[in-house]
Amino acid sequence: MHPTDCFEFRRRLDALTYRFEPCEPREGRAAWKRTNLDIWLVWVATKGWCTVDAAGTVNGRPWGVEVAEQRNEPPEGEWLSKKADKSYVYDLVRVPG
């Protein structure tokens, strides 16, 4: 992975796309910030790679990839998000920076 690589979350329902660009590392690990909102793609102890809001609340996680299987970067593929009473399925895709 190149340090300028970005990630996109592509919503399966309607192809809406959110881009995450590299930002300052968090707790010694790489991190990415959503370009249009204060949401980060970060490593959360005991939960693995997640998306979190400014308060640190987890609002997205990979589906079907156990924490023990996760490595130094967010796993590409199917992710689920939840905010209040809404949930969506996304595909996480690496995009060259």
Protein backbone atom coordinates (compact mmCIF):
# COMPACT_ATOMS: atom_id res chain seq x y z
CA MET A 1 0.00 0.00 0.00
CA HIS A 2 1.28 3.44 -0.91
CA PRO A 3 1.03 6.10 1.87
CA THR A 4 -1.13 8.34 -0.33
CA ASP A 5 -3.65 5.61 -1.20
CA CYS A 6 -7.24 6.48 -0.36
CA PHE A 7 -10.31 4.36 0.25
CA GLU A 8 -13.82 4.69 -1.07
CA PHE A 9 -16.98 3.34 0.49
CA ARG A 10 -19.41 2.56 -2.33
CA ARG A 11 -22.97 2.03 -1.13
CA ARG A 12 -24.58 -0.98 -2.79
CA LEU A 13 -28.12 0.43 -2.65
CA ASP A 14 -27.49 3.42 -4.89
CA ALA A 15 -23.72 3.64 -5.64
CA LEU A 16 -23.29 6.70 -3.41
CA THR A 17 -19.55 7.01 -2.75
CA TYR A 18 -17.64 8.43 0.20
CA ARG A 19 -13.91 9.04 -0.11
CA PHE A 20 -11.45 8.67 2.78
CA GLU A 21 -8.01 10.27 2.46
CA PRO A 22 -4.90 9.64 4.57
CA CYS A 23 -4.64 11.73 7.73
CA GLU A 24 -2.55 11.79 10.89
CA PRO A 25 -2.01 8.32 12.36
CA ARG A 26 -4.04 7.36 15.41
CA GLU A 27 -2.56 5.28 18.21
CA GLY A 28 0.41 4.34 16.06
CA ARG A 29 -1.61 3.14 13.08
CA ALA A 30 -2.48 4.63 9.72
CA ALA A 31 -5.83 6.44 9.55
CA TRP A 32 -8.05 8.00 6.90
CA LYS A 33 -10.60 10.82 7.12
CA ARG A 34 -13.77 11.16 5.08
CA THR A 35 -13.48 14.16 2.79
CA ASN A 36 -16.91 15.67 3.46
CA LEU A 37 -17.54 14.88 7.13
CA ASP A 38 -15.78 14.22 10.44
CA ILE A 39 -15.70 10.44 10.08
CA TRP A 40 -12.47 8.45 10.30
CA LEU A 41 -11.38 5.00 9.22
CA VAL A 42 -9.26 3.81 12.14
CA TRP A 43 -8.17 0.81 14.21
CA VAL A 44 -10.25 0.42 17.39
CA ALA A 45 -8.83 -1.80 20.13
CA THR A 46 -10.82 -5.05 20.46
CA LYS A 47 -12.96 -4.18 17.40
CA GLY A 48 -10.41 -3.90 14.60
CA TRP A 49 -10.85 -1.53 11.66
CA CYS A 50 -13.94 0.66 11.98
CA THR A 51 -15.37 3.98 10.95
CA VAL A 52 -15.89 6.35 13.87
CA ASP A 53 -17.39 9.80 14.35
CA ALA A 54 -15.81 12.77 16.15
CA ALA A 55 -16.91 11.36 19.53
CA GLY A 56 -15.23 8.03 18.75
CA THR A 57 -18.53 6.19 18.29
CA VAL A 58 -18.18 3.21 15.97
CA ASN A 59 -20.60 3.49 13.05
CA GLY A 60 -19.16 1.04 10.51
CA ARG A 61 -17.32 -2.30 10.49
CA PRO A 62 -16.20 -4.93 8.00
CA TRP A 63 -18.54 -7.86 7.52
CA GLY A 64 -17.16 -11.38 7.64
CA VAL A 65 -13.61 -10.49 8.68
CA GLU A 66 -12.86 -11.31 12.31
CA VAL A 67 -10.57 -8.97 14.25
CA ALA A 68 -7.88 -11.68 14.47
CA GLU A 69 -7.86 -11.88 10.65
CA GLN A 70 -7.44 -8.13 10.12
CA ARG A 71 -3.99 -6.79 9.26
CA ASN A 72 -2.24 -3.40 9.01
CA GLU A 73 -4.87 -1.82 6.78
CA PRO A 74 -8.66 -1.89 6.54
CA PRO A 75 -9.95 -4.99 4.77
CA GLU A 76 -11.42 -4.35 1.36
CA GLY A 77 -14.83 -5.79 0.62
CA GLU A 78 -18.19 -5.74 2.37
CA TRP A 79 -18.74 -3.29 5.27
CA LEU A 80 -21.87 -2.42 7.23
CA SER A 81 -22.73 0.98 8.64
CA LYS A 82 -25.24 1.92 11.31
CA LYS A 83 -26.37 5.35 12.39
CA ALA A 84 -29.48 5.68 14.54
CA ASP A 85 -32.08 3.42 12.93
CA LYS A 86 -30.47 3.24 9.46
CA SER A 87 -28.00 0.66 8.18
CA TYR A 88 -26.31 0.32 4.80
CA VAL A 89 -24.01 -2.11 3.03
CA TYR A 90 -20.89 -0.71 1.36
CA ASP A 91 -17.93 -2.04 -0.57
CA LEU A 92 -14.60 -0.68 0.65
CA VAL A 93 -12.23 -0.21 -2.28
CA ARG A 94 -8.62 1.06 -2.29
CA VAL A 95 -8.03 3.95 -4.70
CA PRO A 96 -4.52 5.07 -5.71
CA GLY A 97 -3.75 8.46 -4.22
